[in-house]
Amino acid sequence: MSAEAHTAEHHEGTRFYWVIGAVLAVVTILEVAITFAPWPHWIIVAILLILSFMKGAAVVMYYMHLKGDFRVLQLVFIVPMLLATVMLLMFLLLFSTHVGIAG
């Protein structure tokens, strides 16, 4: 495949990436705003984890150009991110009722 044909398959110009960056910025502002919400902590953590996973997936798919790659290459990034999220949730659950020695 020639370089011109490969480039034609991707988005022309940088406008698309600026739009993705703007969406990511809005989601980041939403994440900060959610931390001030008077909701229970577990709801805030769940929402923040979902939003951060979506942002991470968007960065991997668009900025790392994995959206058009083979599915196995996409899974190489998404599966560890899911595992890390599950591990984080398990540690939060495990230590949420833990009381340290200092009190």
C-alpha atoms as a PDB file:
ATOM      1  CA  MET A   1       0.000   0.000   0.000  1.00  0.00           C
ATOM      2  CA  SER A   2       1.425   3.387  -0.915  1.00  0.00           C
ATOM      3  CA  ALA A   3       1.902   6.190   1.596  1.00  0.00           C
ATOM      4  CA  GLU A   4      -0.728   8.325  -0.157  1.00  0.00           C
ATOM      5  CA  ALA A   5      -3.343   5.562  -0.004  1.00  0.00           C
ATOM      6  CA  HIS A   6      -2.564   4.914   3.661  1.00  0.00           C
ATOM      7  CA  THR A   7      -2.901   8.616   4.478  1.00  0.00           C
ATOM      8  CA  ALA A   8      -6.186   8.854   2.576  1.00  0.00           C
ATOM      9  CA  GLU A   9      -7.690   6.164   4.802  1.00  0.00           C
ATOM     10  CA  HIS A  10      -7.018   8.270   7.891  1.00  0.00           C
ATOM     11  CA  HIS A  11      -8.699  11.521   8.766  1.00  0.00           C
ATOM     12  CA  GLU A  12      -7.631  14.474   6.681  1.00  0.00           C
ATOM     13  CA  GLY A  13      -5.899  17.234   8.592  1.00  0.00           C
ATOM     14  CA  THR A  14      -5.720  17.720  12.310  1.00  0.00           C
ATOM     15  CA  ARG A  15      -9.299  18.908  12.879  1.00  0.00           C
ATOM     16  CA  PHE A  16     -10.468  15.449  13.918  1.00  0.00           C
ATOM     17  CA  TYR A  17      -7.754  15.185  16.584  1.00  0.00           C
ATOM     18  CA  TRP A  18      -8.543  18.655  17.900  1.00  0.00           C
ATOM     19  CA  VAL A  19     -12.176  17.590  18.294  1.00  0.00           C
ATOM     20  CA  ILE A  20     -11.133  14.429  20.166  1.00  0.00           C
ATOM     21  CA  GLY A  21      -8.838  16.557  22.359  1.00  0.00           C
ATOM     22  CA  ALA A  22     -11.700  18.950  23.103  1.00  0.00           C
ATOM     23  CA  VAL A  23     -13.974  16.058  24.064  1.00  0.00           C
ATOM     24  CA  LEU A  24     -11.253  14.696  26.359  1.00  0.00           C
ATOM     25  CA  ALA A  25     -10.852  18.146  27.939  1.00  0.00           C
ATOM     26  CA  VAL A  26     -14.612  18.385  28.560  1.00  0.00           C
ATOM     27  CA  VAL A  27     -14.619  14.926  30.158  1.00  0.00           C
ATOM     28  CA  THR A  28     -11.691  16.001  32.376  1.00  0.00           C
ATOM     29  CA  ILE A  29     -13.618  19.100  33.482  1.00  0.00           C
ATOM     30  CA  LEU A  30     -16.617  16.864  34.188  1.00  0.00           C
ATOM     31  CA  GLU A  31     -14.417  14.564  36.289  1.00  0.00           C
ATOM     32  CA  VAL A  32     -13.195  17.488  38.397  1.00  0.00           C
ATOM     33  CA  ALA A  33     -16.751  18.792  38.811  1.00  0.00           C
ATOM     34  CA  ILE A  34     -17.982  15.361  39.921  1.00  0.00           C
ATOM     35  CA  THR A  35     -15.520  15.344  42.823  1.00  0.00           C
ATOM     36  CA  PHE A  36     -17.472  18.251  44.347  1.00  0.00           C
ATOM     37  CA  ALA A  37     -20.829  16.457  44.095  1.00  0.00           C
ATOM     38  CA  PRO A  38     -22.565  15.636  47.384  1.00  0.00           C
ATOM     39  CA  TRP A  39     -22.937  11.973  46.434  1.00  0.00           C
ATOM     40  CA  PRO A  40     -21.682   8.911  48.329  1.00  0.00           C
ATOM     41  CA  HIS A  41     -17.997   8.221  47.713  1.00  0.00           C
ATOM     42  CA  TRP A  42     -18.597   4.872  46.034  1.00  0.00           C
ATOM     43  CA  ILE A  43     -20.781   6.515  43.384  1.00  0.00           C
ATOM     44  CA  ILE A  44     -18.168   9.194  42.703  1.00  0.00           C
ATOM     45  CA  VAL A  45     -15.402   6.585  42.433  1.00  0.00           C
ATOM     46  CA  ALA A  46     -17.485   4.430  40.086  1.00  0.00           C
ATOM     47  CA  ILE A  47     -18.277   7.382  37.808  1.00  0.00           C
ATOM     48  CA  LEU A  48     -14.656   8.538  37.790  1.00  0.00           C
ATOM     49  CA  LEU A  49     -13.410   5.049  36.920  1.00  0.00           C
ATOM     50  CA  ILE A  50     -15.857   4.754  34.038  1.00  0.00           C
ATOM     51  CA  LEU A  51     -14.921   8.175  32.686  1.00  0.00           C
ATOM     52  CA  SER A  52     -11.193   7.534  33.037  1.00  0.00           C
ATOM     53  CA  PHE A  53     -11.536   4.199  31.256  1.00  0.00           C
ATOM     54  CA  MET A  54     -13.389   5.891  28.406  1.00  0.00           C
ATOM     55  CA  LYS A  55     -10.713   8.588  28.165  1.00  0.00           C
ATOM     56  CA  GLY A  56      -7.929   6.010  28.176  1.00  0.00           C
ATOM     57  CA  ALA A  57      -9.635   3.982  25.479  1.00  0.00           C
ATOM     58  CA  ALA A  58     -10.104   7.102  23.338  1.00  0.00           C
ATOM     59  CA  VAL A  59      -6.429   8.008  23.645  1.00  0.00           C
ATOM     60  CA  VAL A  60      -5.367   4.475  22.748  1.00  0.00           C
ATOM     61  CA  MET A  61      -7.758   4.164  19.829  1.00  0.00           C
ATOM     62  CA  TYR A  62      -7.315   7.579  18.227  1.00  0.00           C
ATOM     63  CA  TYR A  63      -3.978   9.091  19.271  1.00  0.00           C
ATOM     64  CA  MET A  64      -2.118   5.788  19.186  1.00  0.00           C
ATOM     65  CA  HIS A  65      -3.948   4.948  15.930  1.00  0.00           C
ATOM     66  CA  LEU A  66      -5.146   1.521  17.058  1.00  0.00           C
ATOM     67  CA  LYS A  67      -8.718   2.029  15.871  1.00  0.00           C
ATOM     68  CA  GLY A  68      -7.907   0.647  12.421  1.00  0.00           C
ATOM     69  CA  ASP A  69      -5.472  -2.041  13.575  1.00  0.00           C
ATOM     70  CA  PHE A  70      -6.114  -5.709  14.164  1.00  0.00           C
ATOM     71  CA  ARG A  71      -8.422  -6.536  17.064  1.00  0.00           C
ATOM     72  CA  VAL A  72      -5.657  -8.401  18.913  1.00  0.00           C
ATOM     73  CA  LEU A  73      -3.541  -5.227  19.012  1.00  0.00           C
ATOM     74  CA  GLN A  74      -6.465  -3.309  20.469  1.00  0.00           C
ATOM     75  CA  LEU A  75      -6.917  -5.983  23.118  1.00  0.00           C
ATOM     76  CA  VAL A  76      -3.235  -5.742  24.087  1.00  0.00           C
ATOM     77  CA  PHE A  77      -4.019  -2.270  25.462  1.00  0.00           C
ATOM     78  CA  ILE A  78      -7.635  -2.632  26.582  1.00  0.00           C
ATOM     79  CA  VAL A  79      -7.360  -5.887  28.567  1.00  0.00           C
ATOM     80  CA  PRO A  80      -4.544  -4.663  30.880  1.00  0.00           C
ATOM     81  CA  MET A  81      -6.455  -1.427  31.419  1.00  0.00           C
ATOM     82  CA  LEU A  82      -9.522  -3.436  32.451  1.00  0.00           C
ATOM     83  CA  LEU A  83      -7.421  -5.622  34.740  1.00  0.00           C
ATOM     84  CA  ALA A  84      -5.860  -2.562  36.382  1.00  0.00           C
ATOM     85  CA  THR A  85      -9.304  -1.050  36.913  1.00  0.00           C
ATOM     86  CA  VAL A  86     -10.637  -4.235  38.492  1.00  0.00           C
ATOM     87  CA  MET A  87      -7.555  -4.511  40.717  1.00  0.00           C
ATOM     88  CA  LEU A  88      -7.986  -0.891  41.817  1.00  0.00           C
ATOM     89  CA  LEU A  89     -11.623  -1.526  42.678  1.00  0.00           C
ATOM     90  CA  MET A  90     -10.715  -4.642  44.638  1.00  0.00           C
ATOM     91  CA  PHE A  91      -8.038  -2.785  46.625  1.00  0.00           C
ATOM     92  CA  LEU A  92     -10.452   0.056  47.331  1.00  0.00           C
ATOM     93  CA  LEU A  93     -13.020  -2.447  48.539  1.00  0.00           C
ATOM     94  CA  LEU A  94     -10.474  -4.368  50.586  1.00  0.00           C
ATOM     95  CA  PHE A  95      -9.021  -1.334  52.330  1.00  0.00           C
ATOM     96  CA  SER A  96     -12.164   0.802  52.586  1.00  0.00           C
ATOM     97  CA  THR A  97     -12.921  -0.570  56.063  1.00  0.00           C
ATOM     98  CA  HIS A  98      -9.282  -0.946  57.115  1.00  0.00           C
ATOM     99  CA  VAL A  99      -8.309   1.131  60.133  1.00  0.00           C
ATOM    100  CA  GLY A 100      -4.638   1.916  60.479  1.00  0.00           C
ATOM    101  CA  ILE A 101      -2.610   1.667  63.706  1.00  0.00           C
ATOM    102  CA  ALA A 102      -2.583   5.456  64.100  1.00  0.00           C
ATOM    103  CA  GLY A 103      -6.314   5.501  64.254  1.00  0.00           C
END
